[in-house]
Amino acid sequence: MISAVWNRAFAGGRQGQLAGEGPGRMAEACRRLLFDGSGTGVGVELPLLGPPSYDTLVILPTSKLRPGVRVRDPDQVQAQAMIDWLLARKDWRPSIFYELDAAGSGKLAGIHCRIEGSLDIADEFFRAAGEAHRIPAFRKAAARLPEGWVPLFAAVFPGRADDRTRMEVYILDGEAAGAMTDPAKIRKAFDSIGFTAYNGAMLEEMARLARVDNSVNLQFDLLPDGTFAPACSLITGYEQYRNGLKAIFAEEGPVSRICRIYEDMGAADGRWRLLEGACFACETEGPEGMLLRTVPNSSKVKWKNGEPAPARFYLRMDAKKRSG
């Protein structure tokens, strides 16, 4: 059924211009990483510059976990370890997102855990993933964060060549968020945590993006000693606008404003204008009716040594049984 969501979202030539190919890799990732009866929710990552392509984030449905649940592909040992860890928890279960490699097979490319500011949850996650050696570096980096910066996600990338530990930071509303609109204050925050891979143009671009929506996240990759790799991403979220899709894509809506800034930066071309047509929500008919939808989730741009890389846009796709 998730392929039906894809086919509707990328009809009318959008697939070739945005994704480059069909839903086969996405469907295969879901088949291998989920369990029977789990339903399907995925995030589709689309570049806004360069050859059309996509990557998939498979969302683990934690509310449907039951004792004895097994991942369909027994070779996905770390994916199963995530399920076993969550089942063993006595209280809140953090959200988990999986990535497979670009071919849709092989080892997990990445595992993301939404820790909601809890370093204890991050410790548990790293241990469950068999990556406990990352705990000191993550805690060292978290201890240097300025007031109002909260670790939101921890991630590991066992299927990729570089030995990365990912920290995504939520910038709280108020003074911390307001500071992100001022290049001088961003510079001060970066200097305080020891992140040096920036230049004046990058700070100006970050501030300009933050002025569109002060609710922004930053992503950093950590080196084994707890210092920062020379790259940083700024993420703008759109979940709060999902009930007003027309407004979000309007000329002065947040998607349009952000993506025009990406264009000015040289990080996007005009393909983002096709995204509005990819978003929808509907119900299928009959006793086995399904709720199908594609909605904007977020977008991000990464700077490497101060230079912007192609921006990326994330769509959330869902196919689930209609309640009642």
C-alpha atoms as a PDB file:
ATOM      1  CA  MET A   1       0.000   0.000   0.000  1.00  0.00           C
ATOM      2  CA  ILE A   2       2.904   2.387   0.594  1.00  0.00           C
ATOM      3  CA  SER A   3       3.706   2.070  -3.105  1.00  0.00           C
ATOM      4  CA  ALA A   4       0.212   3.396  -3.852  1.00  0.00           C
ATOM      5  CA  VAL A   5       1.034   6.481  -1.766  1.00  0.00           C
ATOM      6  CA  TRP A   6       4.247   6.910  -3.715  1.00  0.00           C
ATOM      7  CA  ASN A   7       2.542   6.515  -7.087  1.00  0.00           C
ATOM      8  CA  ARG A   8      -0.002   9.193  -6.272  1.00  0.00           C
ATOM      9  CA  ALA A   9       2.576  11.584  -4.809  1.00  0.00           C
ATOM     10  CA  PHE A  10       4.940  11.268  -7.764  1.00  0.00           C
ATOM     11  CA  ALA A  11       2.412  11.124 -10.598  1.00  0.00           C
ATOM     12  CA  GLY A  12       2.441  13.594 -13.471  1.00  0.00           C
ATOM     13  CA  GLY A  13       6.178  13.404 -14.100  1.00  0.00           C
ATOM     14  CA  ARG A  14       7.165  14.322 -10.535  1.00  0.00           C
ATOM     15  CA  GLN A  15       8.940  10.990  -9.986  1.00  0.00           C
ATOM     16  CA  GLY A  16      11.511  11.590 -12.683  1.00  0.00           C
ATOM     17  CA  GLN A  17      12.129  15.178 -11.664  1.00  0.00           C
ATOM     18  CA  LEU A  18      12.213  14.667  -7.881  1.00  0.00           C
ATOM     19  CA  ALA A  19      13.066  11.038  -7.081  1.00  0.00           C
ATOM     20  CA  GLY A  20      14.663   9.745 -10.261  1.00  0.00           C
ATOM     21  CA  GLU A  21      13.248   6.222  -9.915  1.00  0.00           C
ATOM     22  CA  GLY A  22      10.312   4.257  -8.561  1.00  0.00           C
ATOM     23  CA  PRO A  23       9.390   3.041  -5.060  1.00  0.00           C
ATOM     24  CA  GLY A  24      11.196  -0.304  -5.224  1.00  0.00           C
ATOM     25  CA  ARG A  25      14.026   0.555  -2.836  1.00  0.00           C
ATOM     26  CA  MET A  26      11.617   2.190  -0.396  1.00  0.00           C
ATOM     27  CA  ALA A  27       9.294  -0.828  -0.394  1.00  0.00           C
ATOM     28  CA  GLU A  28      12.230  -3.205   0.026  1.00  0.00           C
ATOM     29  CA  ALA A  29      13.598  -1.226   2.969  1.00  0.00           C
ATOM     30  CA  CYS A  30      10.186  -1.366   4.652  1.00  0.00           C
ATOM     31  CA  ARG A  31       9.854  -5.081   3.989  1.00  0.00           C
ATOM     32  CA  ARG A  32      13.225  -5.899   5.498  1.00  0.00           C
ATOM     33  CA  LEU A  33      13.242  -3.575   8.498  1.00  0.00           C
ATOM     34  CA  LEU A  34       9.670  -3.837   9.770  1.00  0.00           C
ATOM     35  CA  PHE A  35       7.651  -6.679  11.220  1.00  0.00           C
ATOM     36  CA  ASP A  36       4.398  -8.292  10.159  1.00  0.00           C
ATOM     37  CA  GLY A  37       1.335  -6.185  10.946  1.00  0.00           C
ATOM     38  CA  SER A  38       3.374  -3.098  11.720  1.00  0.00           C
ATOM     39  CA  GLY A  39       1.881  -0.723   9.165  1.00  0.00           C
ATOM     40  CA  THR A  40       4.111   1.606   7.216  1.00  0.00           C
ATOM     41  CA  GLY A  41       5.380   5.127   7.741  1.00  0.00           C
ATOM     42  CA  VAL A  42       8.411   6.412   5.895  1.00  0.00           C
ATOM     43  CA  GLY A  43      10.347   9.588   5.353  1.00  0.00           C
ATOM     44  CA  VAL A  44      11.539  10.178   1.801  1.00  0.00           C
ATOM     45  CA  GLU A  45      14.652  12.351   1.433  1.00  0.00           C
ATOM     46  CA  LEU A  46      14.901  14.243  -1.863  1.00  0.00           C
ATOM     47  CA  PRO A  47      17.838  16.397  -3.020  1.00  0.00           C
ATOM     48  CA  LEU A  48      16.859  19.843  -4.304  1.00  0.00           C
ATOM     49  CA  LEU A  49      19.904  20.122  -6.574  1.00  0.00           C
ATOM     50  CA  GLY A  50      21.828  17.689  -8.749  1.00  0.00           C
ATOM     51  CA  PRO A  51      20.628  14.352 -10.153  1.00  0.00           C
ATOM     52  CA  PRO A  52      17.144  13.372  -8.873  1.00  0.00           C
ATOM     53  CA  SER A  53      17.345  10.532  -6.348  1.00  0.00           C
ATOM     54  CA  TYR A  54      15.992   9.539  -2.951  1.00  0.00           C
ATOM     55  CA  ASP A  55      16.798   7.865   0.329  1.00  0.00           C
ATOM     56  CA  THR A  56      14.333   6.384   2.804  1.00  0.00           C
ATOM     57  CA  LEU A  57      13.923   6.658   6.558  1.00  0.00           C
ATOM     58  CA  VAL A  58      11.836   3.750   7.826  1.00  0.00           C
ATOM     59  CA  ILE A  59       9.878   4.692  10.948  1.00  0.00           C
ATOM     60  CA  LEU A  60       9.655   1.971  13.598  1.00  0.00           C
ATOM     61  CA  PRO A  61       6.029   1.912  14.870  1.00  0.00           C
ATOM     62  CA  THR A  62       6.774   1.694  18.596  1.00  0.00           C
ATOM     63  CA  SER A  63       3.080   1.659  19.571  1.00  0.00           C
ATOM     64  CA  LYS A  64       2.651  -1.710  17.821  1.00  0.00           C
ATOM     65  CA  LEU A  65       5.560  -3.491  19.469  1.00  0.00           C
ATOM     66  CA  ARG A  66       4.594  -6.735  21.198  1.00  0.00           C
ATOM     67  CA  PRO A  67       6.726  -9.334  22.996  1.00  0.00           C
ATOM     68  CA  GLY A  68       8.323 -11.726  20.530  1.00  0.00           C
ATOM     69  CA  VAL A  69       8.189  -9.336  17.553  1.00  0.00           C
ATOM     70  CA  ARG A  70      10.864 -10.138  14.974  1.00  0.00           C
ATOM     71  CA  VAL A  71      12.207  -8.040  12.110  1.00  0.00           C
ATOM     72  CA  ARG A  72      11.358  -9.760   8.806  1.00  0.00           C
ATOM     73  CA  ASP A  73      14.998  -9.846   7.698  1.00  0.00           C
ATOM     74  CA  PRO A  74      16.952 -11.845  10.328  1.00  0.00           C
ATOM     75  CA  ASP A  75      20.217 -10.364   9.056  1.00  0.00           C
ATOM     76  CA  GLN A  76      19.199  -6.936  10.381  1.00  0.00           C
ATOM     77  CA  VAL A  77      20.663  -7.623  13.811  1.00  0.00           C
ATOM     78  CA  GLN A  78      20.864  -3.997  14.929  1.00  0.00           C
ATOM     79  CA  ALA A  79      17.268  -3.348  13.873  1.00  0.00           C
ATOM     80  CA  GLN A  80      16.171  -6.284  16.030  1.00  0.00           C
ATOM     81  CA  ALA A  81      18.325  -5.001  18.886  1.00  0.00           C
ATOM     82  CA  MET A  82      16.356  -1.736  18.804  1.00  0.00           C
ATOM     83  CA  ILE A  83      13.071  -3.637  19.155  1.00  0.00           C
ATOM     84  CA  ASP A  84      14.407  -5.781  21.993  1.00  0.00           C
ATOM     85  CA  TRP A  85      15.661  -2.688  23.824  1.00  0.00           C
ATOM     86  CA  LEU A  86      12.348  -0.844  23.495  1.00  0.00           C
ATOM     87  CA  LEU A  87      10.361  -3.878  24.628  1.00  0.00           C
ATOM     88  CA  ALA A  88      12.540  -4.121  27.740  1.00  0.00           C
ATOM     89  CA  ARG A  89      11.858  -0.505  28.735  1.00  0.00           C
ATOM     90  CA  LYS A  90       9.292  -0.056  31.503  1.00  0.00           C
ATOM     91  CA  ASP A  91       8.166   3.430  30.524  1.00  0.00           C
ATOM     92  CA  TRP A  92       8.471   5.785  27.547  1.00  0.00           C
ATOM     93  CA  ARG A  93       9.751   4.363  24.259  1.00  0.00           C
ATOM     94  CA  PRO A  94      11.728   6.801  22.107  1.00  0.00           C
ATOM     95  CA  SER A  95      11.114   6.996  18.361  1.00  0.00           C
ATOM     96  CA  ILE A  96      13.502   5.093  16.089  1.00  0.00           C
ATOM     97  CA  PHE A  97      14.206   5.704  12.383  1.00  0.00           C
ATOM     98  CA  TYR A  98      16.186   3.302  10.182  1.00  0.00           C
ATOM     99  CA  GLU A  99      18.123   3.837   6.959  1.00  0.00           C
ATOM    100  CA  LEU A 100      19.337   1.125   4.592  1.00  0.00           C
ATOM    101  CA  ASP A 101      22.135   1.722   2.099  1.00  0.00           C
ATOM    102  CA  ALA A 102      21.440   3.232  -1.305  1.00  0.00           C
ATOM    103  CA  ALA A 103      20.922  -0.181  -2.915  1.00  0.00           C
ATOM    104  CA  GLY A 104      18.150  -1.081  -0.480  1.00  0.00           C
ATOM    105  CA  SER A 105      20.056  -4.076   0.889  1.00  0.00           C
ATOM    106  CA  GLY A 106      22.922  -4.911   3.187  1.00  0.00           C
ATOM    107  CA  LYS A 107      23.743  -3.439   6.574  1.00  0.00           C
ATOM    108  CA  LEU A 108      21.847  -0.607   8.139  1.00  0.00           C
ATOM    109  CA  ALA A 109      23.248   2.673   6.883  1.00  0.00           C
ATOM    110  CA  GLY A 110      21.961   4.578   9.912  1.00  0.00           C
ATOM    111  CA  ILE A 111      19.868   4.368  13.074  1.00  0.00           C
ATOM    112  CA  HIS A 112      18.353   7.540  14.557  1.00  0.00           C
ATOM    113  CA  CYS A 113      16.881   7.785  18.067  1.00  0.00           C
ATOM    114  CA  ARG A 114      14.799  10.725  19.302  1.00  0.00           C
ATOM    115  CA  ILE A 115      16.163  11.168  22.820  1.00  0.00           C
ATOM    116  CA  GLU A 116      14.200  14.332  23.767  1.00  0.00           C
ATOM    117  CA  GLY A 117      17.094  15.813  25.734  1.00  0.00           C
ATOM    118  CA  SER A 118      17.767  12.685  27.816  1.00  0.00           C
ATOM    119  CA  LEU A 119      21.426  11.694  27.852  1.00  0.00           C
ATOM    120  CA  ASP A 120      20.476   8.541  29.756  1.00  0.00           C
ATOM    121  CA  ILE A 121      18.272   7.501  26.814  1.00  0.00           C
ATOM    122  CA  ALA A 122      21.174   8.273  24.478  1.00  0.00           C
ATOM    123  CA  ASP A 123      23.419   5.993  26.571  1.00  0.00           C
ATOM    124  CA  GLU A 124      20.839   3.191  26.379  1.00  0.00           C
ATOM    125  CA  PHE A 125      20.496   3.662  22.626  1.00  0.00           C
ATOM    126  CA  PHE A 126      24.231   3.482  21.969  1.00  0.00           C
ATOM    127  CA  ARG A 127      24.531   0.348  24.121  1.00  0.00           C
ATOM    128  CA  ALA A 128      21.567  -1.338  22.420  1.00  0.00           C
ATOM    129  CA  ALA A 129      23.075  -0.572  19.004  1.00  0.00           C
ATOM    130  CA  GLY A 130      26.369  -2.138  20.075  1.00  0.00           C
ATOM    131  CA  GLU A 131      28.032   1.293  19.905  1.00  0.00           C
ATOM    132  CA  ALA A 132      28.669   2.026  23.591  1.00  0.00           C
ATOM    133  CA  HIS A 133      32.091   3.486  22.782  1.00  0.00           C
ATOM    134  CA  ARG A 134      30.276   6.589  21.437  1.00  0.00           C
ATOM    135  CA  ILE A 135      28.845   7.564  24.830  1.00  0.00           C
ATOM    136  CA  PRO A 136      31.807   9.632  26.123  1.00  0.00           C
ATOM    137  CA  ALA A 137      32.050  11.721  22.946  1.00  0.00           C
ATOM    138  CA  PHE A 138      28.296  12.372  22.895  1.00  0.00           C
ATOM    139  CA  ARG A 139      28.228  13.416  26.537  1.00  0.00           C
ATOM    140  CA  LYS A 140      31.302  15.601  26.125  1.00  0.00           C
ATOM    141  CA  ALA A 141      29.694  17.467  23.218  1.00  0.00           C
ATOM    142  CA  ALA A 142      26.351  17.770  25.044  1.00  0.00           C
ATOM    143  CA  ALA A 143      28.076  19.298  28.072  1.00  0.00           C
ATOM    144  CA  ARG A 144      29.388  22.145  25.910  1.00  0.00           C
ATOM    145  CA  LEU A 145      26.010  23.145  24.442  1.00  0.00           C
ATOM    146  CA  PRO A 146      24.855  26.667  25.349  1.00  0.00           C
ATOM    147  CA  GLU A 147      21.676  27.353  27.280  1.00  0.00           C
ATOM    148  CA  GLY A 148      18.594  26.661  25.185  1.00  0.00           C
ATOM    149  CA  TRP A 149      20.281  24.023  22.984  1.00  0.00           C
ATOM    150  CA  VAL A 150      18.835  20.563  23.714  1.00  0.00           C
ATOM    151  CA  PRO A 151      20.059  17.241  22.231  1.00  0.00           C
ATOM    152  CA  LEU A 152      17.041  15.926  20.315  1.00  0.00           C
ATOM    153  CA  PHE A 153      18.427  13.002  18.286  1.00  0.00           C
ATOM    154  CA  ALA A 154      21.362  10.651  18.591  1.00  0.00           C
ATOM    155  CA  ALA A 155      22.366   8.580  15.563  1.00  0.00           C
ATOM    156  CA  VAL A 156      24.963   6.088  14.383  1.00  0.00           C
ATOM    157  CA  PHE A 157      25.883   5.069  10.833  1.00  0.00           C
ATOM    158  CA  PRO A 158      27.241   1.517  10.914  1.00  0.00           C
ATOM    159  CA  GLY A 159      26.745   0.989   7.176  1.00  0.00           C
ATOM    160  CA  ARG A 160      28.843   3.944   6.087  1.00  0.00           C
ATOM    161  CA  ALA A 161      32.586   4.241   5.791  1.00  0.00           C
ATOM    162  CA  ASP A 162      33.063   7.253   8.074  1.00  0.00           C
ATOM    163  CA  ASP A 163      32.811   6.561  11.786  1.00  0.00           C
ATOM    164  CA  ARG A 164      30.230   9.211  12.656  1.00  0.00           C
ATOM    165  CA  THR A 165      28.215   9.936  15.766  1.00  0.00           C
ATOM    166  CA  ARG A 166      25.327  12.291  14.973  1.00  0.00           C
ATOM    167  CA  MET A 167      23.882  14.831  17.391  1.00  0.00           C
ATOM    168  CA  GLU A 168      20.842  16.838  16.386  1.00  0.00           C
ATOM    169  CA  VAL A 169      20.125  19.831  18.610  1.00  0.00           C
ATOM    170  CA  TYR A 170      16.778  21.546  19.076  1.00  0.00           C
ATOM    171  CA  ILE A 171      17.005  25.301  19.623  1.00  0.00           C
ATOM    172  CA  LEU A 172      14.393  26.190  22.223  1.00  0.00           C
ATOM    173  CA  ASP A 173      11.979  29.045  21.665  1.00  0.00           C
ATOM    174  CA  GLY A 174      12.795  32.380  23.252  1.00  0.00           C
ATOM    175  CA  GLU A 175      16.238  33.876  23.677  1.00  0.00           C
ATOM    176  CA  ALA A 176      18.127  30.887  22.192  1.00  0.00           C
ATOM    177  CA  ALA A 177      15.912  30.830  19.105  1.00  0.00           C
ATOM    178  CA  GLY A 178      16.130  34.584  18.697  1.00  0.00           C
ATOM    179  CA  ALA A 179      19.924  34.374  18.788  1.00  0.00           C
ATOM    180  CA  MET A 180      19.843  32.170  15.680  1.00  0.00           C
ATOM    181  CA  THR A 181      18.619  35.170  13.669  1.00  0.00           C
ATOM    182  CA  ASP A 182      21.807  37.128  14.470  1.00  0.00           C
ATOM    183  CA  PRO A 183      25.079  36.080  12.765  1.00  0.00           C
ATOM    184  CA  ALA A 184      27.166  37.515  15.599  1.00  0.00           C
ATOM    185  CA  LYS A 185      25.286  35.459  18.200  1.00  0.00           C
ATOM    186  CA  ILE A 186      25.566  32.297  16.101  1.00  0.00           C
ATOM    187  CA  ARG A 187      29.317  32.897  15.895  1.00  0.00           C
ATOM    188  CA  LYS A 188      29.478  33.298  19.687  1.00  0.00           C
ATOM    189  CA  ALA A 189      27.551  30.045  20.219  1.00  0.00           C
ATOM    190  CA  PHE A 190      29.775  28.137  17.778  1.00  0.00           C
ATOM    191  CA  ASP A 191      32.926  29.488  19.385  1.00  0.00           C
ATOM    192  CA  SER A 192      31.648  28.453  22.815  1.00  0.00           C
ATOM    193  CA  ILE A 193      31.237  24.806  21.774  1.00  0.00           C
ATOM    194  CA  GLY A 194      34.439  24.649  19.742  1.00  0.00           C
ATOM    195  CA  PHE A 195      32.841  24.454  16.280  1.00  0.00           C
ATOM    196  CA  THR A 196      35.127  26.360  13.930  1.00  0.00           C
ATOM    197  CA  ALA A 197      34.131  25.250  10.402  1.00  0.00           C
ATOM    198  CA  TYR A 198      32.207  28.393   9.511  1.00  0.00           C
ATOM    199  CA  ASN A 199      32.683  31.619   7.615  1.00  0.00           C
ATOM    200  CA  GLY A 200      30.785  34.896   7.490  1.00  0.00           C
ATOM    201  CA  ALA A 201      28.624  33.888   4.533  1.00  0.00           C
ATOM    202  CA  MET A 202      27.502  30.708   6.320  1.00  0.00           C
ATOM    203  CA  LEU A 203      26.507  32.661   9.438  1.00  0.00           C
ATOM    204  CA  GLU A 204      24.503  35.131   7.344  1.00  0.00           C
ATOM    205  CA  GLU A 205      22.750  32.285   5.509  1.00  0.00           C
ATOM    206  CA  MET A 206      21.885  30.537   8.769  1.00  0.00           C
ATOM    207  CA  ALA A 207      20.466  33.718  10.248  1.00  0.00           C
ATOM    208  CA  ARG A 208      18.407  34.395   7.132  1.00  0.00           C
ATOM    209  CA  LEU A 209      16.894  30.894   7.269  1.00  0.00           C
ATOM    210  CA  ALA A 210      16.195  31.201  10.997  1.00  0.00           C
ATOM    211  CA  ARG A 211      14.280  34.440  10.439  1.00  0.00           C
ATOM    212  CA  VAL A 212      11.673  32.520   8.449  1.00  0.00           C
ATOM    213  CA  ASP A 213      10.965  30.149  11.338  1.00  0.00           C
ATOM    214  CA  ASN A 214      12.799  30.467  14.655  1.00  0.00           C
ATOM    215  CA  SER A 215      12.026  26.826  15.477  1.00  0.00           C
ATOM    216  CA  VAL A 216      15.154  25.308  13.947  1.00  0.00           C
ATOM    217  CA  ASN A 217      17.422  22.334  14.619  1.00  0.00           C
ATOM    218  CA  LEU A 218      21.147  21.970  14.063  1.00  0.00           C
ATOM    219  CA  GLN A 219      22.933  18.729  13.183  1.00  0.00           C
ATOM    220  CA  PHE A 220      26.552  18.008  14.042  1.00  0.00           C
ATOM    221  CA  ASP A 221      28.756  14.973  13.456  1.00  0.00           C
ATOM    222  CA  LEU A 222      31.092  14.176  16.328  1.00  0.00           C
ATOM    223  CA  LEU A 223      34.629  12.884  16.087  1.00  0.00           C
ATOM    224  CA  PRO A 224      35.725  10.091  18.472  1.00  0.00           C
ATOM    225  CA  ASP A 225      37.231  12.609  20.915  1.00  0.00           C
ATOM    226  CA  GLY A 226      33.923  14.503  21.236  1.00  0.00           C
ATOM    227  CA  THR A 227      34.919  17.417  19.029  1.00  0.00           C
ATOM    228  CA  PHE A 228      32.948  18.465  15.974  1.00  0.00           C
ATOM    229  CA  ALA A 229      33.549  17.376  12.397  1.00  0.00           C
ATOM    230  CA  PRO A 230      33.786  20.340   9.959  1.00  0.00           C
ATOM    231  CA  ALA A 231      30.121  20.256   8.901  1.00  0.00           C
ATOM    232  CA  CYS A 232      26.831  21.562  10.261  1.00  0.00           C
ATOM    233  CA  SER A 233      23.239  21.334   8.997  1.00  0.00           C
ATOM    234  CA  LEU A 234      20.296  23.622   9.712  1.00  0.00           C
ATOM    235  CA  ILE A 235      16.874  21.952   9.643  1.00  0.00           C
ATOM    236  CA  THR A 236      13.538  23.725   9.261  1.00  0.00           C
ATOM    237  CA  GLY A 237      10.471  21.718  10.294  1.00  0.00           C
ATOM    238  CA  TYR A 238       6.999  22.002   8.766  1.00  0.00           C
ATOM    239  CA  GLU A 239       4.964  19.615  10.929  1.00  0.00           C
ATOM    240  CA  GLN A 240       3.067  22.439  12.596  1.00  0.00           C
ATOM    241  CA  TYR A 241       1.657  23.485   9.195  1.00  0.00           C
ATOM    242  CA  ARG A 242       0.296  20.117   8.055  1.00  0.00           C
ATOM    243  CA  ASN A 243      -3.334  21.208   8.364  1.00  0.00           C
ATOM    244  CA  GLY A 244      -2.743  24.041   5.924  1.00  0.00           C
ATOM    245  CA  LEU A 245      -0.845  22.600   2.970  1.00  0.00           C
ATOM    246  CA  LYS A 246      -1.964  25.309   0.584  1.00  0.00           C
ATOM    247  CA  ALA A 247      -0.693  28.031   2.899  1.00  0.00           C
ATOM    248  CA  ILE A 248       2.660  26.368   3.473  1.00  0.00           C
ATOM    249  CA  PHE A 249       3.415  26.403  -0.267  1.00  0.00           C
ATOM    250  CA  ALA A 250       1.986  29.883  -0.895  1.00  0.00           C
ATOM    251  CA  GLU A 251       4.341  32.598  -2.124  1.00  0.00           C
ATOM    252  CA  GLU A 252       4.969  33.823   1.435  1.00  0.00           C
ATOM    253  CA  GLY A 253       4.532  30.402   3.068  1.00  0.00           C
ATOM    254  CA  PRO A 254       7.463  28.827   4.924  1.00  0.00           C
ATOM    255  CA  VAL A 255       8.393  26.226   2.277  1.00  0.00           C
ATOM    256  CA  SER A 256       8.495  28.809  -0.498  1.00  0.00           C
ATOM    257  CA  ARG A 257      10.492  31.301   1.549  1.00  0.00           C
ATOM    258  CA  ILE A 258      13.017  28.714   2.749  1.00  0.00           C
ATOM    259  CA  CYS A 259      13.497  27.159  -0.690  1.00  0.00           C
ATOM    260  CA  ARG A 260      14.001  30.543  -2.338  1.00  0.00           C
ATOM    261  CA  ILE A 261      16.804  31.161   0.154  1.00  0.00           C
ATOM    262  CA  TYR A 262      18.277  27.781  -0.813  1.00  0.00           C
ATOM    263  CA  GLU A 263      18.182  28.941  -4.432  1.00  0.00           C
ATOM    264  CA  ASP A 264      19.957  32.194  -3.526  1.00  0.00           C
ATOM    265  CA  MET A 265      22.631  30.128  -1.754  1.00  0.00           C
ATOM    266  CA  GLY A 266      23.149  27.924  -4.813  1.00  0.00           C
ATOM    267  CA  ALA A 267      21.887  24.913  -2.829  1.00  0.00           C
ATOM    268  CA  ALA A 268      18.649  24.303  -4.806  1.00  0.00           C
ATOM    269  CA  ASP A 269      17.137  24.760  -8.236  1.00  0.00           C
ATOM    270  CA  GLY A 270      13.437  25.179  -9.028  1.00  0.00           C
ATOM    271  CA  ARG A 271      12.323  21.566  -8.547  1.00  0.00           C
ATOM    272  CA  TRP A 272      11.013  22.311  -5.054  1.00  0.00           C
ATOM    273  CA  ARG A 273       7.981  23.884  -6.714  1.00  0.00           C
ATOM    274  CA  LEU A 274       6.824  20.360  -7.619  1.00  0.00           C
ATOM    275  CA  LEU A 275       6.541  19.377  -3.944  1.00  0.00           C
ATOM    276  CA  GLU A 276       3.098  20.897  -3.425  1.00  0.00           C
ATOM    277  CA  GLY A 277       1.637  18.544  -6.023  1.00  0.00           C
ATOM    278  CA  ALA A 278       3.183  15.567  -4.220  1.00  0.00           C
ATOM    279  CA  CYS A 279       1.327  16.292  -0.967  1.00  0.00           C
ATOM    280  CA  PHE A 280      -2.180  14.942  -0.349  1.00  0.00           C
ATOM    281  CA  ALA A 281      -4.388  13.074   2.118  1.00  0.00           C
ATOM    282  CA  CYS A 282      -7.230  10.710   1.161  1.00  0.00           C
ATOM    283  CA  GLU A 283      -9.173   7.593   2.190  1.00  0.00           C
ATOM    284  CA  THR A 284      -9.694   4.510   0.061  1.00  0.00           C
ATOM    285  CA  GLU A 285     -13.179   3.059  -0.233  1.00  0.00           C
ATOM    286  CA  GLY A 286     -14.566  -0.223   1.103  1.00  0.00           C
ATOM    287  CA  PRO A 287     -14.472  -2.186   4.362  1.00  0.00           C
ATOM    288  CA  GLU A 288     -10.665  -2.338   4.284  1.00  0.00           C
ATOM    289  CA  GLY A 289     -10.391   1.404   3.821  1.00  0.00           C
ATOM    290  CA  MET A 290      -6.970   2.971   4.262  1.00  0.00           C
ATOM    291  CA  LEU A 291      -5.751   6.426   5.129  1.00  0.00           C
ATOM    292  CA  LEU A 292      -3.098   7.525   2.641  1.00  0.00           C
ATOM    293  CA  ARG A 293      -1.100  10.738   2.851  1.00  0.00           C
ATOM    294  CA  THR A 294       2.080  12.527   1.896  1.00  0.00           C
ATOM    295  CA  VAL A 295       2.953  15.665   3.871  1.00  0.00           C
ATOM    296  CA  PRO A 296       5.976  17.971   4.260  1.00  0.00           C
ATOM    297  CA  ASN A 297       8.160  17.067   7.206  1.00  0.00           C
ATOM    298  CA  SER A 298      11.302  19.202   7.032  1.00  0.00           C
ATOM    299  CA  SER A 299      14.126  20.481   4.884  1.00  0.00           C
ATOM    300  CA  LYS A 300      17.800  20.977   5.588  1.00  0.00           C
ATOM    301  CA  VAL A 301      20.975  22.386   4.171  1.00  0.00           C
ATOM    302  CA  LYS A 302      24.479  21.342   5.207  1.00  0.00           C
ATOM    303  CA  TRP A 303      27.612  23.458   5.153  1.00  0.00           C
ATOM    304  CA  LYS A 304      30.964  21.690   4.834  1.00  0.00           C
ATOM    305  CA  ASN A 305      33.854  23.897   5.873  1.00  0.00           C
ATOM    306  CA  GLY A 306      31.480  26.825   5.485  1.00  0.00           C
ATOM    307  CA  GLU A 307      30.332  25.962   1.934  1.00  0.00           C
ATOM    308  CA  PRO A 308      26.715  24.867   1.304  1.00  0.00           C
ATOM    309  CA  ALA A 309      25.971  21.425  -0.124  1.00  0.00           C
ATOM    310  CA  PRO A 310      22.721  20.680  -2.017  1.00  0.00           C
ATOM    311  CA  ALA A 311      19.665  21.156   0.203  1.00  0.00           C
ATOM    312  CA  ARG A 312      17.339  18.248   0.939  1.00  0.00           C
ATOM    313  CA  PHE A 313      13.601  17.997   1.501  1.00  0.00           C
ATOM    314  CA  TYR A 314      11.816  15.342   3.563  1.00  0.00           C
ATOM    315  CA  LEU A 315       8.313  14.098   2.826  1.00  0.00           C
ATOM    316  CA  ARG A 316       6.414  11.895   5.291  1.00  0.00           C
ATOM    317  CA  MET A 317       4.403   9.068   3.679  1.00  0.00           C
ATOM    318  CA  ASP A 318       1.837   7.002   5.585  1.00  0.00           C
ATOM    319  CA  ALA A 319      -0.496   4.130   4.750  1.00  0.00           C
ATOM    320  CA  LYS A 320      -2.599   2.857   7.642  1.00  0.00           C
ATOM    321  CA  LYS A 321      -5.964   1.256   8.253  1.00  0.00           C
ATOM    322  CA  ARG A 322      -8.868   3.625   8.765  1.00  0.00           C
ATOM    323  CA  SER A 323     -10.044   3.570  12.402  1.00  0.00           C
ATOM    324  CA  GLY A 324     -13.606   2.557  13.136  1.00  0.00           C
END
